[in-house]
Amino acid sequence: MTGNFRSGFRAFLILLHLLTGIAFLISCYVSWFNPITYWYLGILNVGAFYLLAALVLFFIIWVIARKKYAWITVVCIALGWGPIKNLIPFRLPHPFNLQKDSLGLRVMSWNVNHFDILEHKTHPEVKQKMIDLINKYQPDIACFQEMVASDSILPAINYLPDFVKKLNMNWVYYSYNSKVDFDDTHHFGIITFSRYPIINKKTVSYFPHNYNSIFQYVDIVKDKDTIRVFNIHLQSLRFTQTNLKYIDDPTLKNSEDIEKSKSVLFKFRTGFLKRMAQSEHVKREIDKSPYPVIVCGDFNDLPNSYAYNQIGNGLKNAFTEKGWGAGRTFSGISPTLRIDNIFVDPAFKVDQYIRVDKYLSDHFPIIADVSKEK
């Protein structure tokens, strides 16, 4: 009986190991599947980091048990090696040098979450801390998403000329749709600040012309070089607090739980499909660029996703080049969500990268120093 139990349990572990490996490989190559038909496979990508951890755990179990089934993990990691490097670069942390190279560019991307305007009365210090953080790192180009500001009304809490003055970045381009303004005084959009001249700028908007269906680019001149910088914010999942609570503790005990699960799945599907279309719009504009490009933004999607690969195809990801660990950029839901990115043209090399571990927004700022390839 004991022997039968052991054999059955071993068979169960082998099957579970194989299923974990298959799920992990799908998460690695989910961009190969059309999101319109196979949107649900994108959910595996959300758990890719945990699937990899489970494979490593299985490997350790089989090595300890002196069983040959450890090869399953080895094969899965070998097959998924390229995407794994997008997920978690295997390198040790390296200190970020605050001193900038005069020949390079320092680029920052940050979802600033309204620049604390909702809490300006109760926590006025947060806005100043955010400005201090930006000034500490002195980016040459700063791309912000979810920027709430007024470019014309002086009594506004977030008056845009004040930001220009405090950040000492005189070139700025703010994109927004006035139909979805934050309030009567402030707009809600994406903004790019630059220490170098902006010689051309454009807001790209397409149906339904809402916040996530616009993005911007600016052409910046440094010395004799012109660079096209894209600032994007792809569709979020728009999870409510009820959705987040259900994700933390998913159950199917009653009809209410079933409805909650349907709501979460519907939002996953909607998000995947909208980001697919949005990323294709962005990619078309990238391909039109006559200049080397830098793409910054909140992708609201994970490494190896359709949107990530669509936009990043042919570009270098700053985190993959110089980052380490899981690189989490979103502070909610999971400790492994790296949804903010800086991609650069192959004409650039990434010299250093940092995710600034400061809880001033629901996203962490990311910064990369880049320079021309020699």
Protein backbone atom coordinates (compact mmCIF):
# COMPACT_ATOMS: atom_id res chain seq x y z
CA MET A 1 0.00 0.00 0.00
CA THR A 2 2.80 2.34 0.93
CA GLY A 3 4.58 1.55 -2.31
CA ASN A 4 1.43 2.23 -4.32
CA PHE A 5 0.93 5.52 -2.51
CA ARG A 6 4.50 6.59 -3.21
CA SER A 7 4.20 5.65 -6.86
CA GLY A 8 0.91 7.53 -7.18
CA PHE A 9 2.26 10.58 -5.40
CA ARG A 10 5.38 10.59 -7.58
CA ALA A 11 3.22 10.35 -10.71
CA PHE A 12 1.13 13.26 -9.44
CA LEU A 13 4.25 15.37 -8.87
CA ILE A 14 5.58 14.55 -12.33
CA LEU A 15 2.27 15.54 -13.93
CA LEU A 16 2.14 18.76 -11.89
CA HIS A 17 5.74 19.51 -12.85
CA LEU A 18 4.96 18.99 -16.55
CA LEU A 19 1.83 21.16 -16.38
CA THR A 20 3.80 23.89 -14.59
CA GLY A 21 6.46 23.72 -17.28
CA ILE A 22 3.91 23.97 -20.09
CA ALA A 23 2.17 26.90 -18.38
CA PHE A 24 5.51 28.64 -17.92
CA LEU A 25 6.52 28.21 -21.57
CA ILE A 26 3.15 29.58 -22.69
CA SER A 27 3.71 32.59 -20.43
CA CYS A 28 7.13 33.08 -22.04
CA TYR A 29 5.77 33.02 -25.57
CA VAL A 30 2.28 34.39 -25.01
CA SER A 31 3.00 37.15 -27.55
CA TRP A 32 2.89 34.45 -30.25
CA PHE A 33 -0.84 33.96 -29.63
CA ASN A 34 -3.44 36.35 -31.02
CA PRO A 35 -4.97 38.12 -28.00
CA ILE A 36 -8.35 38.30 -29.74
CA THR A 37 -8.68 34.52 -29.68
CA TYR A 38 -6.35 33.53 -26.86
CA TRP A 39 -6.67 36.49 -24.48
CA TYR A 40 -6.95 34.16 -21.47
CA LEU A 41 -3.36 32.96 -21.99
CA GLY A 42 -2.24 36.43 -20.97
CA ILE A 43 -3.28 35.60 -17.42
CA LEU A 44 -0.46 33.04 -17.32
CA ASN A 45 1.97 35.86 -18.04
CA VAL A 46 0.84 37.56 -14.82
CA GLY A 47 2.04 34.48 -12.94
CA ALA A 48 5.21 33.87 -14.97
CA PHE A 49 7.56 34.76 -12.13
CA TYR A 50 5.78 32.34 -9.78
CA LEU A 51 5.73 29.59 -12.39
CA LEU A 52 9.49 29.98 -12.78
CA ALA A 53 9.90 29.80 -8.99
CA ALA A 54 7.77 26.64 -8.93
CA LEU A 55 9.97 25.04 -11.60
CA VAL A 56 13.07 25.80 -9.56
CA LEU A 57 11.37 24.29 -6.49
CA PHE A 58 10.54 21.13 -8.44
CA PHE A 59 14.17 20.95 -9.58
CA ILE A 60 15.39 21.10 -5.98
CA ILE A 61 12.87 18.42 -4.89
CA TRP A 62 13.95 15.99 -7.61
CA VAL A 63 17.66 16.61 -6.99
CA ILE A 64 17.21 15.91 -3.28
CA ALA A 65 15.16 12.80 -4.08
CA ARG A 66 17.83 11.76 -6.58
CA LYS A 67 15.29 11.41 -9.33
CA LYS A 68 15.88 12.07 -13.02
CA TYR A 69 12.78 14.25 -13.40
CA ALA A 70 14.79 17.39 -12.65
CA TRP A 71 15.44 17.46 -16.40
CA ILE A 72 11.90 18.85 -16.89
CA THR A 73 12.95 22.14 -15.28
CA VAL A 74 16.23 22.18 -17.20
CA VAL A 75 14.45 21.73 -20.54
CA CYS A 76 11.82 24.39 -19.73
CA ILE A 77 14.43 26.94 -18.69
CA ALA A 78 16.51 26.20 -21.79
CA LEU A 79 13.48 26.64 -24.07
CA GLY A 80 12.42 29.82 -22.31
CA TRP A 81 15.86 31.33 -21.79
CA GLY A 82 15.34 34.38 -23.99
CA PRO A 83 12.04 35.42 -22.39
CA ILE A 84 13.42 34.57 -18.94
CA LYS A 85 16.07 37.26 -19.40
CA ASN A 86 13.26 39.76 -20.02
CA LEU A 87 11.62 38.59 -16.82
CA ILE A 88 14.61 38.55 -14.48
CA PRO A 89 18.15 39.42 -15.59
CA PHE A 90 20.74 37.27 -13.86
CA ARG A 91 23.13 39.88 -12.52
CA LEU A 92 24.04 41.40 -9.19
CA PRO A 93 22.86 44.90 -8.23
CA HIS A 94 25.19 47.74 -9.14
CA PRO A 95 25.18 51.18 -7.50
CA PHE A 96 23.68 53.96 -9.61
CA ASN A 97 26.07 56.85 -10.19
CA LEU A 98 24.26 60.16 -9.68
CA GLN A 99 26.94 61.96 -11.66
CA LYS A 100 25.80 62.19 -15.28
CA ASP A 101 28.03 61.68 -18.28
CA SER A 102 27.92 64.89 -20.34
CA LEU A 103 27.98 62.83 -23.54
CA GLY A 104 24.96 60.75 -22.56
CA LEU A 105 21.29 61.24 -21.76
CA ARG A 106 19.49 60.53 -18.51
CA VAL A 107 15.89 59.45 -19.13
CA MET A 108 13.17 59.11 -16.48
CA SER A 109 9.75 57.52 -16.81
CA TRP A 110 7.20 57.74 -13.99
CA ASN A 111 3.48 57.30 -13.58
CA VAL A 112 3.06 60.17 -11.12
CA ASN A 113 -0.52 59.26 -10.13
CA HIS A 114 -1.96 62.81 -10.45
CA PHE A 115 1.09 64.29 -8.75
CA ASP A 116 -0.60 63.87 -5.37
CA ILE A 117 -3.35 66.38 -6.14
CA LEU A 118 -5.97 64.25 -4.36
CA GLU A 119 -3.98 64.45 -1.13
CA HIS A 120 -2.62 67.97 -1.44
CA LYS A 121 -4.50 69.19 1.64
CA THR A 122 -3.73 66.28 3.95
CA HIS A 123 -0.22 65.46 2.66
CA PRO A 124 1.18 68.55 0.92
CA GLU A 125 4.71 67.32 1.56
CA VAL A 126 4.38 64.42 -0.92
CA LYS A 127 4.32 66.68 -3.98
CA GLN A 128 7.50 68.43 -2.84
CA LYS A 129 9.17 65.07 -2.16
CA MET A 130 8.35 64.01 -5.71
CA ILE A 131 9.86 67.20 -7.10
CA ASP A 132 12.92 66.75 -4.87
CA LEU A 133 13.36 63.19 -6.12
CA ILE A 134 13.26 64.31 -9.74
CA ASN A 135 15.77 67.08 -9.02
CA LYS A 136 18.04 64.66 -7.18
CA TYR A 137 18.48 62.54 -10.30
CA GLN A 138 18.45 65.48 -12.74
CA PRO A 139 16.99 63.70 -15.77
CA ASP A 140 17.59 65.27 -19.16
CA ILE A 141 14.27 63.89 -20.37
CA ALA A 142 11.36 63.10 -18.05
CA CYS A 143 8.22 61.34 -19.28
CA PHE A 144 5.32 61.36 -16.84
CA GLN A 145 1.99 59.56 -17.11
CA GLU A 146 -1.24 60.43 -15.29
CA MET A 147 -0.06 64.02 -15.10
CA VAL A 148 -2.66 66.36 -13.63
CA ALA A 149 -1.82 70.01 -14.28
CA SER A 150 -3.09 73.31 -15.60
CA ASP A 151 -1.24 75.00 -18.40
CA SER A 152 -3.26 78.23 -18.29
CA ILE A 153 -5.04 78.86 -14.96
CA LEU A 154 -2.73 80.50 -12.42
CA PRO A 155 -4.58 79.59 -9.17
CA ALA A 156 -4.36 75.89 -10.10
CA ILE A 157 -2.83 73.57 -7.51
CA ASN A 158 -0.62 71.95 -10.14
CA TYR A 159 0.27 74.94 -12.30
CA LEU A 160 2.45 73.76 -15.17
CA PRO A 161 4.79 76.80 -15.30
CA ASP A 162 5.60 76.13 -11.63
CA PHE A 163 6.79 72.63 -12.54
CA VAL A 164 8.91 74.02 -15.37
CA LYS A 165 10.54 76.45 -12.96
CA LYS A 166 11.04 73.97 -10.09
CA LEU A 167 12.42 71.24 -12.33
CA ASN A 168 14.50 73.65 -14.39
CA MET A 169 13.38 71.91 -17.57
CA ASN A 170 12.27 74.63 -19.95
CA TRP A 171 11.09 72.47 -22.82
CA VAL A 172 7.78 70.74 -22.21
CA TYR A 173 4.97 69.09 -24.14
CA TYR A 174 1.66 68.20 -22.49
CA SER A 175 -0.92 65.96 -24.22
CA TYR A 176 -4.48 65.60 -22.99
CA ASN A 177 -8.07 65.39 -24.12
CA SER A 178 -10.06 68.26 -22.63
CA LYS A 179 -13.21 66.09 -22.73
CA VAL A 180 -11.72 63.94 -19.97
CA ASP A 181 -10.20 66.70 -17.83
CA PHE A 182 -9.46 65.99 -14.18
CA ASP A 183 -11.59 68.94 -13.03
CA ASP A 184 -12.56 72.44 -14.17
CA THR A 185 -9.02 73.65 -13.56
CA HIS A 186 -6.73 70.72 -14.34
CA HIS A 187 -6.15 68.50 -17.35
CA PHE A 188 -5.27 64.81 -17.18
CA GLY A 189 -2.69 63.45 -19.57
CA ILE A 190 0.90 62.61 -20.40
CA ILE A 191 3.77 65.07 -20.37
CA THR A 192 7.40 65.20 -21.47
CA PHE A 193 9.96 67.59 -19.96
CA SER A 194 13.34 68.17 -21.57
CA ARG A 195 16.54 70.08 -20.82
CA TYR A 196 17.26 70.11 -24.53
CA PRO A 197 15.27 71.85 -27.30
CA ILE A 198 12.10 70.20 -28.55
CA ILE A 199 11.98 71.01 -32.26
CA ASN A 200 8.89 68.99 -33.14
CA LYS A 201 6.01 67.48 -31.18
CA LYS A 202 2.86 65.54 -31.88
CA THR A 203 -0.07 64.01 -30.04
CA VAL A 204 -1.38 60.90 -31.77
CA SER A 205 -5.06 60.28 -31.08
CA TYR A 206 -7.42 57.68 -32.48
CA PHE A 207 -10.89 56.36 -31.70
CA PRO A 208 -12.29 56.44 -29.03
CA HIS A 209 -9.96 59.39 -28.29
CA ASN A 210 -9.86 58.71 -24.56
CA TYR A 211 -6.86 58.91 -22.26
CA ASN A 212 -5.36 55.54 -23.24
CA SER A 213 -5.95 56.07 -26.96
CA ILE A 214 -3.58 59.02 -27.15
CA PHE A 215 0.17 59.10 -26.95
CA GLN A 216 2.81 61.66 -27.80
CA TYR A 217 6.25 62.01 -29.24
CA VAL A 218 8.76 64.85 -29.28
CA ASP A 219 11.90 65.37 -31.34
CA ILE A 220 14.75 66.52 -29.12
CA VAL A 221 18.07 67.90 -30.28
CA LYS A 222 21.23 67.30 -28.25
CA ASP A 223 24.43 68.56 -29.84
CA LYS A 224 24.09 67.43 -33.46
CA ASP A 225 21.78 64.51 -32.76
CA THR A 226 17.99 64.40 -33.02
CA ILE A 227 16.08 61.81 -30.98
CA ARG A 228 12.39 60.99 -31.10
CA VAL A 229 11.02 60.30 -27.62
CA PHE A 230 7.67 58.54 -27.21
CA ASN A 231 5.59 58.83 -24.05
CA ILE A 232 2.77 56.28 -23.74
CA HIS A 233 0.27 54.95 -21.23
CA LEU A 234 -1.51 51.79 -22.33
CA GLN A 235 -4.87 50.57 -21.03
CA SER A 236 -5.02 49.72 -17.33
CA LEU A 237 -7.16 46.89 -15.95
CA ARG A 238 -9.25 49.38 -13.96
CA PHE A 239 -9.56 47.08 -10.99
CA THR A 240 -11.80 48.31 -8.19
CA GLN A 241 -11.04 47.71 -4.51
CA THR A 242 -13.55 44.83 -4.64
CA ASN A 243 -11.62 43.30 -7.57
CA LEU A 244 -8.31 43.66 -5.73
CA LYS A 245 -9.70 42.03 -2.59
CA TYR A 246 -11.00 39.12 -4.65
CA ILE A 247 -7.61 38.69 -6.37
CA ASP A 248 -5.94 38.56 -2.94
CA ASP A 249 -8.43 35.93 -1.72
CA PRO A 250 -10.17 34.23 -4.68
CA THR A 251 -13.03 31.89 -3.79
CA LEU A 252 -16.07 30.40 -5.51
CA LYS A 253 -18.29 29.67 -2.55
CA ASN A 254 -21.43 31.39 -3.79
CA SER A 255 -23.01 33.28 -6.69
CA GLU A 256 -21.50 36.57 -5.48
CA ASP A 257 -17.99 35.10 -5.75
CA ILE A 258 -18.78 33.85 -9.26
CA GLU A 259 -19.84 37.34 -10.31
CA LYS A 260 -16.65 38.79 -8.82
CA SER A 261 -14.54 36.29 -10.77
CA LYS A 262 -16.42 37.14 -13.98
CA SER A 263 -15.75 40.84 -13.40
CA VAL A 264 -12.03 40.23 -12.94
CA LEU A 265 -11.81 38.01 -16.04
CA PHE A 266 -13.77 40.52 -18.13
CA LYS A 267 -11.35 43.28 -17.14
CA PHE A 268 -8.37 41.08 -17.96
CA ARG A 269 -9.84 40.37 -21.40
CA THR A 270 -10.71 44.01 -22.07
CA GLY A 271 -7.24 45.14 -21.00
CA PHE A 272 -5.42 42.60 -23.19
CA LEU A 273 -7.48 43.48 -26.27
CA LYS A 274 -7.18 47.24 -25.86
CA ARG A 275 -3.44 47.10 -25.24
CA MET A 276 -3.06 44.97 -28.35
CA ALA A 277 -4.65 47.69 -30.50
CA GLN A 278 -2.86 50.52 -28.67
CA SER A 279 0.55 48.88 -29.00
CA GLU A 280 0.02 48.42 -32.74
CA HIS A 281 -0.74 52.14 -33.12
CA VAL A 282 2.43 53.00 -31.19
CA LYS A 283 4.53 50.55 -33.23
CA ARG A 284 3.37 52.09 -36.51
CA GLU A 285 4.53 55.52 -35.36
CA ILE A 286 7.85 54.13 -34.11
CA ASP A 287 8.48 52.56 -37.51
CA LYS A 288 7.86 55.93 -39.20
CA SER A 289 10.50 57.72 -37.17
CA PRO A 290 13.39 59.18 -39.17
CA TYR A 291 15.42 59.41 -35.95
CA PRO A 292 16.60 56.97 -33.28
CA VAL A 293 13.81 56.45 -30.76
CA ILE A 294 13.36 56.20 -27.02
CA VAL A 295 10.05 54.83 -25.75
CA CYS A 296 8.95 55.52 -22.18
CA GLY A 297 5.76 54.72 -20.40
CA ASP A 298 3.36 52.74 -18.32
CA PHE A 299 2.60 49.66 -20.42
CA ASN A 300 0.20 48.14 -17.89
CA ASP A 301 1.48 44.84 -19.21
CA LEU A 302 4.27 42.49 -18.31
CA PRO A 303 7.48 41.36 -20.01
CA ASN A 304 6.86 38.92 -22.88
CA SER A 305 3.27 40.12 -23.34
CA TYR A 306 1.93 40.97 -26.79
CA ALA A 307 2.09 44.74 -26.14
CA TYR A 308 5.60 44.55 -24.65
CA ASN A 309 6.96 42.61 -27.62
CA GLN A 310 5.03 44.61 -30.21
CA ILE A 311 6.50 47.92 -29.05
CA GLY A 312 9.87 46.57 -27.98
CA ASN A 313 10.58 44.61 -31.14
CA GLY A 314 13.96 45.76 -32.43
CA LEU A 315 14.63 47.93 -29.37
CA LYS A 316 16.63 47.45 -26.18
CA ASN A 317 14.90 47.40 -22.82
CA ALA A 318 16.85 49.39 -20.24
CA PHE A 319 15.95 47.03 -17.41
CA THR A 320 16.94 43.95 -19.38
CA GLU A 321 20.25 45.59 -20.28
CA LYS A 322 21.25 46.87 -16.84
CA GLY A 323 18.56 46.05 -14.27
CA TRP A 324 18.49 43.25 -11.72
CA GLY A 325 15.98 41.20 -9.75
CA ALA A 326 12.26 41.29 -10.49
CA GLY A 327 12.36 45.04 -11.15
CA ARG A 328 8.87 45.68 -9.77
CA THR A 329 7.53 49.10 -10.84
CA PHE A 330 3.93 48.91 -9.54
CA SER A 331 3.44 48.85 -5.79
CA GLY A 332 0.08 47.06 -5.73
CA ILE A 333 -1.28 43.53 -6.22
CA SER A 334 1.98 41.61 -6.65
CA PRO A 335 5.66 42.17 -5.81
CA THR A 336 6.68 41.15 -9.34
CA LEU A 337 4.75 43.58 -11.56
CA ARG A 338 7.21 45.36 -13.86
CA ILE A 339 4.82 47.28 -16.07
CA ASP A 340 6.80 50.50 -16.67
CA ASN A 341 9.51 50.50 -19.32
CA ILE A 342 12.19 52.47 -21.08
CA PHE A 343 13.05 51.08 -24.51
CA VAL A 344 15.89 52.54 -26.58
CA ASP A 345 16.97 52.31 -30.19
CA PRO A 346 19.89 49.96 -31.03
CA ALA A 347 21.84 53.15 -31.81
CA PHE A 348 22.09 53.63 -28.02
CA LYS A 349 23.71 51.61 -25.31
CA VAL A 350 22.31 51.55 -21.79
CA ASP A 351 25.00 52.61 -19.32
CA GLN A 352 23.04 52.23 -16.09
CA TYR A 353 19.49 51.77 -14.82
CA ILE A 354 17.67 52.22 -11.53
CA ARG A 355 14.22 51.73 -10.12
CA VAL A 356 13.92 54.31 -7.35
CA ASP A 357 12.42 52.55 -4.36
CA LYS A 358 10.29 55.42 -3.03
CA TYR A 359 6.56 55.13 -2.27
CA LEU A 360 5.47 58.55 -3.54
CA SER A 361 3.10 57.26 -6.22
CA ASP A 362 1.56 53.84 -6.85
CA HIS A 363 4.40 53.40 -9.36
CA PHE A 364 8.14 53.60 -8.81
CA PRO A 365 10.14 55.93 -11.06
CA ILE A 366 12.63 54.29 -13.41
CA ILE A 367 15.75 55.99 -14.79
CA ALA A 368 18.26 55.01 -17.46
CA ASP A 369 21.47 56.62 -18.63
CA VAL A 370 21.99 56.02 -22.34
CA SER A 371 24.67 57.02 -24.81
CA LYS A 372 25.45 56.52 -28.47
CA GLU A 373 26.95 53.21 -29.48
CA LYS A 374 30.50 53.65 -30.64
